[in-house]
Full PDB file with SEQRES, HELIX, SHEET, SSBOND, CRYST1, ORIGX, SCALE, CONECT and MASTER records, all heavy atoms in Angstrom:
SEQRES   1 A   36  TRP SER PHE ALA GLN ALA ARG ALA PHE VAL ASP SER LEU          
SEQRES   2 A   36  VAL GLN GLU VAL ALA ALA GLU ASP PRO TRP LEU ALA ILE          
SEQRES   3 A   36  THR PRO PRO THR VAL ARG PHE GLY GLY PHE                      
HELIX    1 AA1 PHE A    3  ALA A   18  1                                  16    
HELIX    2 AA2 PRO A   22  ILE A   26  1                                   5    
CRYST1    1.000    1.000    1.000  90.00  90.00  90.00 P 1           1          
ORIGX1      1.000000  0.000000  0.000000        0.00000                         
ORIGX2      0.000000  1.000000  0.000000        0.00000                         
ORIGX3      0.000000  0.000000  1.000000        0.00000                         
SCALE1      1.000000  0.000000  0.000000        0.00000                         
SCALE2      0.000000  1.000000  0.000000        0.00000                         
SCALE3      0.000000  0.000000  1.000000        0.00000                         
ATOM      1  N   TRP A   1       0.832  -1.197   0.000  1.00  0.00           N  
ATOM      2  CA  TRP A   1       0.000   0.000   0.000  1.00  0.00           C  
ATOM      3  C   TRP A   1       0.868   1.249   0.000  1.00  0.00           C  
ATOM      4  O   TRP A   1       1.950   1.283   0.601  1.00  0.00           O  
ATOM      5  CB  TRP A   1      -0.876   0.047   1.239  1.00  0.00           C  
ATOM      6  CG  TRP A   1      -2.080  -0.835   1.213  1.00  0.00           C  
ATOM      7  CD1 TRP A   1      -2.322  -1.877   0.361  1.00  0.00           C  
ATOM      8  CD2 TRP A   1      -3.187  -0.766   2.122  1.00  0.00           C  
ATOM      9  NE1 TRP A   1      -3.517  -2.467   0.693  1.00  0.00           N  
ATOM     10  CE2 TRP A   1      -4.074  -1.806   1.753  1.00  0.00           C  
ATOM     11  CE3 TRP A   1      -3.507   0.050   3.202  1.00  0.00           C  
ATOM     12  CZ2 TRP A   1      -5.271  -2.034   2.444  1.00  0.00           C  
ATOM     13  CZ3 TRP A   1      -4.691  -0.169   3.875  1.00  0.00           C  
ATOM     14  CH2 TRP A   1      -5.569  -1.197   3.491  1.00  0.00           C  
ATOM     15  N   SER A   2       0.377   2.293  -0.628  1.00  0.00           N  
ATOM     16  CA  SER A   2       0.975   3.618  -0.495  1.00  0.00           C  
ATOM     17  C   SER A   2       0.362   4.315   0.718  1.00  0.00           C  
ATOM     18  O   SER A   2      -0.659   3.871   1.267  1.00  0.00           O  
ATOM     19  CB  SER A   2       0.696   4.445  -1.749  1.00  0.00           C  
ATOM     20  OG  SER A   2      -0.704   4.688  -1.865  1.00  0.00           O  
ATOM     21  N   PHE A   3       0.974   5.435   1.118  1.00  0.00           N  
ATOM     22  CA  PHE A   3       0.363   6.236   2.187  1.00  0.00           C  
ATOM     23  C   PHE A   3      -1.027   6.710   1.776  1.00  0.00           C  
ATOM     24  O   PHE A   3      -1.956   6.742   2.588  1.00  0.00           O  
ATOM     25  CB  PHE A   3       1.241   7.437   2.538  1.00  0.00           C  
ATOM     26  CG  PHE A   3       0.516   8.488   3.335  1.00  0.00           C  
ATOM     27  CD1 PHE A   3       0.125   8.246   4.635  1.00  0.00           C  
ATOM     28  CD2 PHE A   3       0.208   9.714   2.757  1.00  0.00           C  
ATOM     29  CE1 PHE A   3      -0.566   9.205   5.376  1.00  0.00           C  
ATOM     30  CE2 PHE A   3      -0.471  10.680   3.475  1.00  0.00           C  
ATOM     31  CZ  PHE A   3      -0.865  10.424   4.793  1.00  0.00           C  
ATOM     32  N   ALA A   4      -1.186   7.058   0.516  1.00  0.00           N  
ATOM     33  CA  ALA A   4      -2.492   7.514   0.048  1.00  0.00           C  
ATOM     34  C   ALA A   4      -3.552   6.437   0.240  1.00  0.00           C  
ATOM     35  O   ALA A   4      -4.701   6.730   0.623  1.00  0.00           O  
ATOM     36  CB  ALA A   4      -2.405   7.924  -1.420  1.00  0.00           C  
ATOM     37  N   GLN A   5      -3.196   5.182  -0.008  1.00  0.00           N  
ATOM     38  CA  GLN A   5      -4.143   4.089   0.214  1.00  0.00           C  
ATOM     39  C   GLN A   5      -4.455   3.912   1.695  1.00  0.00           C  
ATOM     40  O   GLN A   5      -5.609   3.683   2.073  1.00  0.00           O  
ATOM     41  CB  GLN A   5      -3.578   2.786  -0.354  1.00  0.00           C  
ATOM     42  CG  GLN A   5      -3.567   2.709  -1.866  1.00  0.00           C  
ATOM     43  CD  GLN A   5      -2.870   1.459  -2.364  1.00  0.00           C  
ATOM     44  OE1 GLN A   5      -1.633   1.367  -2.349  1.00  0.00           O  
ATOM     45  NE2 GLN A   5      -3.646   0.483  -2.788  1.00  0.00           N  
ATOM     46  N   ALA A   6      -3.410   4.017   2.543  1.00  0.00           N  
ATOM     47  CA  ALA A   6      -3.629   3.893   3.980  1.00  0.00           C  
ATOM     48  C   ALA A   6      -4.520   5.023   4.490  1.00  0.00           C  
ATOM     49  O   ALA A   6      -5.419   4.808   5.327  1.00  0.00           O  
ATOM     50  CB  ALA A   6      -2.297   3.896   4.718  1.00  0.00           C  
ATOM     51  N   ARG A   7      -4.293   6.214   3.999  1.00  0.00           N  
ATOM     52  CA  ARG A   7      -5.103   7.355   4.405  1.00  0.00           C  
ATOM     53  C   ARG A   7      -6.561   7.165   3.967  1.00  0.00           C  
ATOM     54  O   ARG A   7      -7.490   7.433   4.747  1.00  0.00           O  
ATOM     55  CB  ARG A   7      -4.536   8.631   3.800  1.00  0.00           C  
ATOM     56  CG  ARG A   7      -5.315   9.877   4.143  1.00  0.00           C  
ATOM     57  CD  ARG A   7      -4.606  11.126   3.687  1.00  0.00           C  
ATOM     58  NE  ARG A   7      -5.234  12.318   4.238  1.00  0.00           N  
ATOM     59  CZ  ARG A   7      -4.644  13.477   4.371  1.00  0.00           C  
ATOM     60  NH1 ARG A   7      -3.381  13.618   3.987  1.00  0.00           N  
ATOM     61  NH2 ARG A   7      -5.274  14.512   4.890  1.00  0.00           N  
ATOM     62  N   ALA A   8      -6.767   6.727   2.756  1.00  0.00           N  
ATOM     63  CA  ALA A   8      -8.122   6.501   2.268  1.00  0.00           C  
ATOM     64  C   ALA A   8      -8.824   5.419   3.093  1.00  0.00           C  
ATOM     65  O   ALA A   8     -10.034   5.522   3.370  1.00  0.00           O  
ATOM     66  CB  ALA A   8      -8.083   6.108   0.793  1.00  0.00           C  
ATOM     67  N   PHE A   9      -8.076   4.388   3.498  1.00  0.00           N  
ATOM     68  CA  PHE A   9      -8.631   3.333   4.340  1.00  0.00           C  
ATOM     69  C   PHE A   9      -9.122   3.903   5.661  1.00  0.00           C  
ATOM     70  O   PHE A   9     -10.243   3.611   6.108  1.00  0.00           O  
ATOM     71  CB  PHE A   9      -7.571   2.254   4.576  1.00  0.00           C  
ATOM     72  CG  PHE A   9      -7.991   1.180   5.544  1.00  0.00           C  
ATOM     73  CD1 PHE A   9      -8.702   0.072   5.104  1.00  0.00           C  
ATOM     74  CD2 PHE A   9      -7.654   1.263   6.893  1.00  0.00           C  
ATOM     75  CE1 PHE A   9      -9.080  -0.931   5.997  1.00  0.00           C  
ATOM     76  CE2 PHE A   9      -8.031   0.277   7.788  1.00  0.00           C  
ATOM     77  CZ  PHE A   9      -8.746  -0.827   7.330  1.00  0.00           C  
ATOM     78  N   VAL A  10      -8.285   4.716   6.314  1.00  0.00           N  
ATOM     79  CA  VAL A  10      -8.657   5.311   7.596  1.00  0.00           C  
ATOM     80  C   VAL A  10      -9.860   6.240   7.435  1.00  0.00           C  
ATOM     81  O   VAL A  10     -10.843   6.153   8.192  1.00  0.00           O  
ATOM     82  CB  VAL A  10      -7.466   6.075   8.211  1.00  0.00           C  
ATOM     83  CG1 VAL A  10      -7.905   6.870   9.444  1.00  0.00           C  
ATOM     84  CG2 VAL A  10      -6.343   5.111   8.576  1.00  0.00           C  
ATOM     85  N   ASP A  11      -9.806   7.126   6.453  1.00  0.00           N  
ATOM     86  CA  ASP A  11     -10.900   8.072   6.251  1.00  0.00           C  
ATOM     87  C   ASP A  11     -12.225   7.351   6.010  1.00  0.00           C  
ATOM     88  O   ASP A  11     -13.264   7.714   6.577  1.00  0.00           O  
ATOM     89  CB  ASP A  11     -10.594   8.992   5.064  1.00  0.00           C  
ATOM     90  CG  ASP A  11      -9.547  10.053   5.373  1.00  0.00           C  
ATOM     91  OD1 ASP A  11      -9.364  10.358   6.572  1.00  0.00           O  
ATOM     92  OD2 ASP A  11      -8.918  10.561   4.435  1.00  0.00           O  
ATOM     93  N   SER A  12     -12.190   6.331   5.170  1.00  0.00           N  
ATOM     94  CA  SER A  12     -13.411   5.597   4.848  1.00  0.00           C  
ATOM     95  C   SER A  12     -13.965   4.862   6.059  1.00  0.00           C  
ATOM     96  O   SER A  12     -15.179   4.872   6.317  1.00  0.00           O  
ATOM     97  CB  SER A  12     -13.129   4.608   3.716  1.00  0.00           C  
ATOM     98  OG  SER A  12     -14.258   3.816   3.438  1.00  0.00           O  
ATOM     99  N   LEU A  13     -13.064   4.233   6.836  1.00  0.00           N  
ATOM    100  CA  LEU A  13     -13.511   3.469   7.990  1.00  0.00           C  
ATOM    101  C   LEU A  13     -14.076   4.383   9.076  1.00  0.00           C  
ATOM    102  O   LEU A  13     -15.086   4.056   9.715  1.00  0.00           O  
ATOM    103  CB  LEU A  13     -12.363   2.625   8.540  1.00  0.00           C  
ATOM    104  CG  LEU A  13     -12.753   1.583   9.589  1.00  0.00           C  
ATOM    105  CD1 LEU A  13     -13.755   0.591   9.025  1.00  0.00           C  
ATOM    106  CD2 LEU A  13     -11.503   0.851  10.096  1.00  0.00           C  
ATOM    107  N   VAL A  14     -13.441   5.525   9.300  1.00  0.00           N  
ATOM    108  CA  VAL A  14     -13.950   6.475  10.290  1.00  0.00           C  
ATOM    109  C   VAL A  14     -15.348   6.941   9.889  1.00  0.00           C  
ATOM    110  O   VAL A  14     -16.265   7.005  10.729  1.00  0.00           O  
ATOM    111  CB  VAL A  14     -12.986   7.669  10.431  1.00  0.00           C  
ATOM    112  CG1 VAL A  14     -13.651   8.815  11.202  1.00  0.00           C  
ATOM    113  CG2 VAL A  14     -11.713   7.230  11.145  1.00  0.00           C  
ATOM    114  N   GLN A  15     -15.544   7.237   8.625  1.00  0.00           N  
ATOM    115  CA  GLN A  15     -16.869   7.657   8.162  1.00  0.00           C  
ATOM    116  C   GLN A  15     -17.893   6.544   8.343  1.00  0.00           C  
ATOM    117  O   GLN A  15     -19.038   6.786   8.764  1.00  0.00           O  
ATOM    118  CB  GLN A  15     -16.793   8.065   6.691  1.00  0.00           C  
ATOM    119  CG  GLN A  15     -15.992   9.331   6.432  1.00  0.00           C  
ATOM    120  CD  GLN A  15     -15.818   9.604   4.950  1.00  0.00           C  
ATOM    121  OE1 GLN A  15     -16.504   9.016   4.114  1.00  0.00           O  
ATOM    122  NE2 GLN A  15     -14.885  10.479   4.611  1.00  0.00           N  
ATOM    123  N   GLU A  16     -17.494   5.326   8.028  1.00  0.00           N  
ATOM    124  CA  GLU A  16     -18.407   4.185   8.139  1.00  0.00           C  
ATOM    125  C   GLU A  16     -18.845   3.966   9.585  1.00  0.00           C  
ATOM    126  O   GLU A  16     -20.043   3.798   9.875  1.00  0.00           O  
ATOM    127  CB  GLU A  16     -17.714   2.935   7.607  1.00  0.00           C  
ATOM    128  CG  GLU A  16     -18.506   1.649   7.776  1.00  0.00           C  
ATOM    129  CD  GLU A  16     -17.686   0.425   7.388  1.00  0.00           C  
ATOM    130  OE1 GLU A  16     -17.016   0.478   6.330  1.00  0.00           O  
ATOM    131  OE2 GLU A  16     -17.710  -0.560   8.133  1.00  0.00           O  
ATOM    132  N   VAL A  17     -17.892   3.956  10.504  1.00  0.00           N  
ATOM    133  CA  VAL A  17     -18.212   3.708  11.906  1.00  0.00           C  
ATOM    134  C   VAL A  17     -19.000   4.877  12.498  1.00  0.00           C  
ATOM    135  O   VAL A  17     -19.940   4.692  13.288  1.00  0.00           O  
ATOM    136  CB  VAL A  17     -16.927   3.435  12.710  1.00  0.00           C  
ATOM    137  CG1 VAL A  17     -17.221   3.289  14.200  1.00  0.00           C  
ATOM    138  CG2 VAL A  17     -16.236   2.179  12.186  1.00  0.00           C  
ATOM    139  N   ALA A  18     -18.657   6.095  12.110  1.00  0.00           N  
ATOM    140  CA  ALA A  18     -19.372   7.264  12.618  1.00  0.00           C  
ATOM    141  C   ALA A  18     -20.835   7.243  12.182  1.00  0.00           C  
ATOM    142  O   ALA A  18     -21.727   7.649  12.944  1.00  0.00           O  
ATOM    143  CB  ALA A  18     -18.699   8.541  12.121  1.00  0.00           C  
ATOM    144  N   ALA A  19     -21.101   6.753  10.982  1.00  0.00           N  
ATOM    145  CA  ALA A  19     -22.475   6.738  10.471  1.00  0.00           C  
ATOM    146  C   ALA A  19     -23.388   5.829  11.280  1.00  0.00           C  
ATOM    147  O   ALA A  19     -24.625   5.959  11.198  1.00  0.00           O  
ATOM    148  CB  ALA A  19     -22.472   6.308   9.009  1.00  0.00           C  
ATOM    149  N   GLU A  20     -22.813   4.939  12.076  1.00  0.00           N  
ATOM    150  CA  GLU A  20     -23.601   4.021  12.887  1.00  0.00           C  
ATOM    151  C   GLU A  20     -24.040   4.621  14.219  1.00  0.00           C  
ATOM    152  O   GLU A  20     -24.825   4.011  14.945  1.00  0.00           O  
ATOM    153  CB  GLU A  20     -22.794   2.740  13.136  1.00  0.00           C  
ATOM    154  CG  GLU A  20     -22.422   2.002  11.861  1.00  0.00           C  
ATOM    155  CD  GLU A  20     -21.369   0.920  12.073  1.00  0.00           C  
ATOM    156  OE1 GLU A  20     -20.910   0.753  13.227  1.00  0.00           O  
ATOM    157  OE2 GLU A  20     -21.015   0.259  11.083  1.00  0.00           O  
ATOM    158  N   ASP A  21     -23.534   5.800  14.539  1.00  0.00           N  
ATOM    159  CA  ASP A  21     -23.882   6.489  15.790  1.00  0.00           C  
ATOM    160  C   ASP A  21     -24.752   7.698  15.456  1.00  0.00           C  
ATOM    161  O   ASP A  21     -24.372   8.518  14.613  1.00  0.00           O  
ATOM    162  CB  ASP A  21     -22.597   6.932  16.494  1.00  0.00           C  
ATOM    163  CG  ASP A  21     -22.866   7.654  17.791  1.00  0.00           C  
ATOM    164  OD1 ASP A  21     -23.181   8.871  17.739  1.00  0.00           O  
ATOM    165  OD2 ASP A  21     -22.754   7.027  18.858  1.00  0.00           O  
ATOM    166  N   PRO A  22     -25.932   7.850  16.081  1.00  0.00           N  
ATOM    167  CA  PRO A  22     -26.829   8.952  15.725  1.00  0.00           C  
ATOM    168  C   PRO A  22     -26.189  10.325  15.840  1.00  0.00           C  
ATOM    169  O   PRO A  22     -26.438  11.201  14.997  1.00  0.00           O  
ATOM    170  CB  PRO A  22     -27.997   8.788  16.715  1.00  0.00           C  
ATOM    171  CG  PRO A  22     -27.969   7.342  17.084  1.00  0.00           C  
ATOM    172  CD  PRO A  22     -26.533   6.936  17.075  1.00  0.00           C  
ATOM    173  N   TRP A  23     -25.360  10.530  16.880  1.00  0.00           N  
ATOM    174  CA  TRP A  23     -24.733  11.830  17.058  1.00  0.00           C  
ATOM    175  C   TRP A  23     -23.592  12.032  16.058  1.00  0.00           C  
ATOM    176  O   TRP A  23     -23.503  13.065  15.391  1.00  0.00           O  
ATOM    177  CB  TRP A  23     -24.220  12.001  18.482  1.00  0.00           C  
ATOM    178  CG  TRP A  23     -23.378  13.235  18.664  1.00  0.00           C  
ATOM    179  CD1 TRP A  23     -22.030  13.304  18.841  1.00  0.00           C  
ATOM    180  CD2 TRP A  23     -23.840  14.589  18.650  1.00  0.00           C  
ATOM    181  NE1 TRP A  23     -21.605  14.593  18.942  1.00  0.00           N  
ATOM    182  CE2 TRP A  23     -22.710  15.417  18.829  1.00  0.00           C  
ATOM    183  CE3 TRP A  23     -25.090  15.182  18.495  1.00  0.00           C  
ATOM    184  CZ2 TRP A  23     -22.793  16.797  18.866  1.00  0.00           C  
ATOM    185  CZ3 TRP A  23     -25.168  16.566  18.534  1.00  0.00           C  
ATOM    186  CH2 TRP A  23     -24.039  17.369  18.712  1.00  0.00           C  
ATOM    187  N   LEU A  24     -22.719  11.037  15.930  1.00  0.00           N  
ATOM    188  CA  LEU A  24     -21.568  11.179  15.035  1.00  0.00           C  
ATOM    189  C   LEU A  24     -21.987  11.216  13.570  1.00  0.00           C  
ATOM    190  O   LEU A  24     -21.252  11.743  12.726  1.00  0.00           O  
ATOM    191  CB  LEU A  24     -20.569  10.040  15.275  1.00  0.00           C  
ATOM    192  CG  LEU A  24     -19.890  10.029  16.648  1.00  0.00           C  
ATOM    193  CD1 LEU A  24     -18.934   8.841  16.751  1.00  0.00           C  
ATOM    194  CD2 LEU A  24     -19.154  11.334  16.916  1.00  0.00           C  
ATOM    195  N   ALA A  25     -23.129  10.681  13.269  1.00  0.00           N  
ATOM    196  CA  ALA A  25     -23.614  10.741  11.887  1.00  0.00           C  
ATOM    197  C   ALA A  25     -23.868  12.174  11.447  1.00  0.00           C  
ATOM    198  O   ALA A  25     -23.697  12.509  10.269  1.00  0.00           O  
ATOM    199  CB  ALA A  25     -24.886   9.914  11.756  1.00  0.00           C  
ATOM    200  N   ILE A  26     -24.261  13.033  12.410  1.00  0.00           N  
ATOM    201  CA  ILE A  26     -24.504  14.436  12.058  1.00  0.00           C  
ATOM    202  C   ILE A  26     -23.369  15.348  12.514  1.00  0.00           C  
ATOM    203  O   ILE A  26     -23.299  16.513  12.111  1.00  0.00           O  
ATOM    204  CB  ILE A  26     -25.845  14.920  12.651  1.00  0.00           C  
ATOM    205  CG1 ILE A  26     -25.833  14.810  14.182  1.00  0.00           C  
ATOM    206  CG2 ILE A  26     -27.007  14.142  12.063  1.00  0.00           C  
ATOM    207  CD1 ILE A  26     -27.044  15.420  14.852  1.00  0.00           C  
ATOM    208  N   THR A  27     -22.474  14.819  13.386  1.00  0.00           N  
ATOM    209  CA  THR A  27     -21.299  15.571  13.848  1.00  0.00           C  
ATOM    210  C   THR A  27     -20.078  14.674  13.686  1.00  0.00           C  
ATOM    211  O   THR A  27     -19.544  14.152  14.667  1.00  0.00           O  
ATOM    212  CB  THR A  27     -21.468  15.994  15.321  1.00  0.00           C  
ATOM    213  OG1 THR A  27     -22.759  16.550  15.517  1.00  0.00           O  
ATOM    214  CG2 THR A  27     -20.401  17.010  15.726  1.00  0.00           C  
ATOM    215  N   PRO A  28     -19.656  14.430  12.469  1.00  0.00           N  
ATOM    216  CA  PRO A  28     -18.618  13.422  12.232  1.00  0.00           C  
ATOM    217  C   PRO A  28     -17.272  13.817  12.833  1.00  0.00           C  
ATOM    218  O   PRO A  28     -16.949  15.002  12.931  1.00  0.00           O  
ATOM    219  CB  PRO A  28     -18.532  13.344  10.709  1.00  0.00           C  
ATOM    220  CG  PRO A  28     -19.074  14.645  10.223  1.00  0.00           C  
ATOM    221  CD  PRO A  28     -20.117  15.053  11.213  1.00  0.00           C  
ATOM    222  N   PRO A  29     -16.483  12.825  13.241  1.00  0.00           N  
ATOM    223  CA  PRO A  29     -15.140  13.093  13.745  1.00  0.00           C  
ATOM    224  C   PRO A  29     -14.250  13.720  12.670  1.00  0.00           C  
ATOM    225  O   PRO A  29     -14.476  13.535  11.473  1.00  0.00           O  
ATOM    226  CB  PRO A  29     -14.606  11.709  14.145  1.00  0.00           C  
ATOM    227  CG  PRO A  29     -15.822  10.844  14.267  1.00  0.00           C  
ATOM    228  CD  PRO A  29     -16.813  11.393  13.290  1.00  0.00           C  
ATOM    229  N   THR A  30     -13.252  14.441  13.132  1.00  0.00           N  
ATOM    230  CA  THR A  30     -12.249  15.030  12.248  1.00  0.00           C  
ATOM    231  C   THR A  30     -10.970  14.206  12.337  1.00  0.00           C  
ATOM    232  O   THR A  30     -10.504  13.892  13.434  1.00  0.00           O  
ATOM    233  CB  THR A  30     -11.952  16.489  12.655  1.00  0.00           C  
ATOM    234  OG1 THR A  30     -13.157  17.241  12.583  1.00  0.00           O  
ATOM    235  CG2 THR A  30     -10.928  17.104  11.730  1.00  0.00           C  
ATOM    236  N   VAL A  31     -10.396  13.864  11.199  1.00  0.00           N  
ATOM    237  CA  VAL A  31      -9.173  13.051  11.155  1.00  0.00           C  
ATOM    238  C   VAL A  31      -8.032  13.900  10.618  1.00  0.00           C  
ATOM    239  O   VAL A  31      -8.200  14.622   9.629  1.00  0.00           O  
ATOM    240  CB  VAL A  31      -9.356  11.806  10.265  1.00  0.00           C  
ATOM    241  CG1 VAL A  31      -8.095  10.935  10.300  1.00  0.00           C  
ATOM    242  CG2 VAL A  31     -10.571  11.007  10.703  1.00  0.00           C  
ATOM    243  N   ARG A  32      -6.893  13.827  11.289  1.00  0.00           N  
ATOM    244  CA  ARG A  32      -5.696  14.554  10.854  1.00  0.00           C  
ATOM    245  C   ARG A  32      -4.509  13.598  10.860  1.00  0.00           C  
ATOM    246  O   ARG A  32      -4.357  12.812  11.804  1.00  0.00           O  
ATOM    247  CB  ARG A  32      -5.415  15.739  11.784  1.00  0.00           C  
ATOM    248  CG  ARG A  32      -4.239  16.612  11.344  1.00  0.00           C  
ATOM    249  CD  ARG A  32      -3.991  17.733  12.355  1.00  0.00           C  
ATOM    250  NE  ARG A  32      -3.539  17.217  13.634  1.00  0.00           N  
ATOM    251  CZ  ARG A  32      -2.263  16.945  13.923  1.00  0.00           C  
ATOM    252  NH1 ARG A  32      -1.319  17.138  13.016  1.00  0.00           N  
ATOM    253  NH2 ARG A  32      -1.929  16.477  15.111  1.00  0.00           N  
ATOM    254  N   PHE A  33      -3.677  13.690   9.842  1.00  0.00           N  
ATOM    255  CA  PHE A  33      -2.519  12.809   9.713  1.00  0.00           C  
ATOM    256  C   PHE A  33      -1.244  13.607   9.964  1.00  0.00           C  
ATOM    257  O   PHE A  33      -0.936  14.549   9.233  1.00  0.00           O  
ATOM    258  CB  PHE A  33      -2.477  12.183   8.319  1.00  0.00           C  
ATOM    259  CG  PHE A  33      -3.599  11.219   8.065  1.00  0.00           C  
ATOM    260  CD1 PHE A  33      -4.850  11.692   7.675  1.00  0.00           C  
ATOM    261  CD2 PHE A  33      -3.417   9.868   8.241  1.00  0.00           C  
ATOM    262  CE1 PHE A  33      -5.894  10.821   7.451  1.00  0.00           C  
ATOM    263  CE2 PHE A  33      -4.462   8.983   8.019  1.00  0.00           C  
ATOM    264  CZ  PHE A  33      -5.704   9.458   7.625  1.00  0.00           C  
ATOM    265  N   GLY A  34      -0.505  13.226  11.001  1.00  0.00           N  
ATOM    266  CA  GLY A  34       0.773  13.850  11.318  1.00  0.00           C  
ATOM    267  C   GLY A  34       1.730  12.795  11.833  1.00  0.00           C  
ATOM    268  O   GLY A  34       1.309  11.803  12.443  1.00  0.00           O  
ATOM    269  N   GLY A  35       3.018  12.974  11.629  1.00  0.00           N  
ATOM    270  CA  GLY A  35       3.984  11.951  12.025  1.00  0.00           C  
ATOM    271  C   GLY A  35       4.099  10.889  10.949  1.00  0.00           C  
ATOM    272  O   GLY A  35       3.991  11.171   9.754  1.00  0.00           O  
ATOM    273  N   PHE A  36       4.328   9.648  11.364  1.00  0.00           N  
ATOM    274  CA  PHE A  36       4.609   8.565  10.429  1.00  0.00           C  
ATOM    275  C   PHE A  36       3.632   8.514   9.253  1.00  0.00           C  
ATOM    276  O   PHE A  36       2.410   8.555   9.431  1.00  0.00           O  
ATOM    277  CB  PHE A  36       4.520   7.211  11.136  1.00  0.00           C  
ATOM    278  CG  PHE A  36       5.753   6.802  11.880  1.00  0.00           C  
ATOM    279  CD1 PHE A  36       5.670   6.357  13.186  1.00  0.00           C  
ATOM    280  CD2 PHE A  36       6.996   6.836  11.268  1.00  0.00           C  
ATOM    281  CE1 PHE A  36       6.802   5.953  13.879  1.00  0.00           C  
ATOM    282  CE2 PHE A  36       8.134   6.435  11.945  1.00  0.00           C  
ATOM    283  CZ  PHE A  36       8.030   5.993  13.259  1.00  0.00           C  
TER     284      PHE A  36                                                      
MASTER        0    0    0    2    0    0    0    6  283    1    0    3          
END                                                                             
């Protein structure tokens, strides 16, 4: 995988899991990539 693929994996999974929570579905978490 490239970093771009890893980033897309994280972003997609965070969105998927957030959509299962009534609050997070309308107030989604913010993801930031720093370091490794």
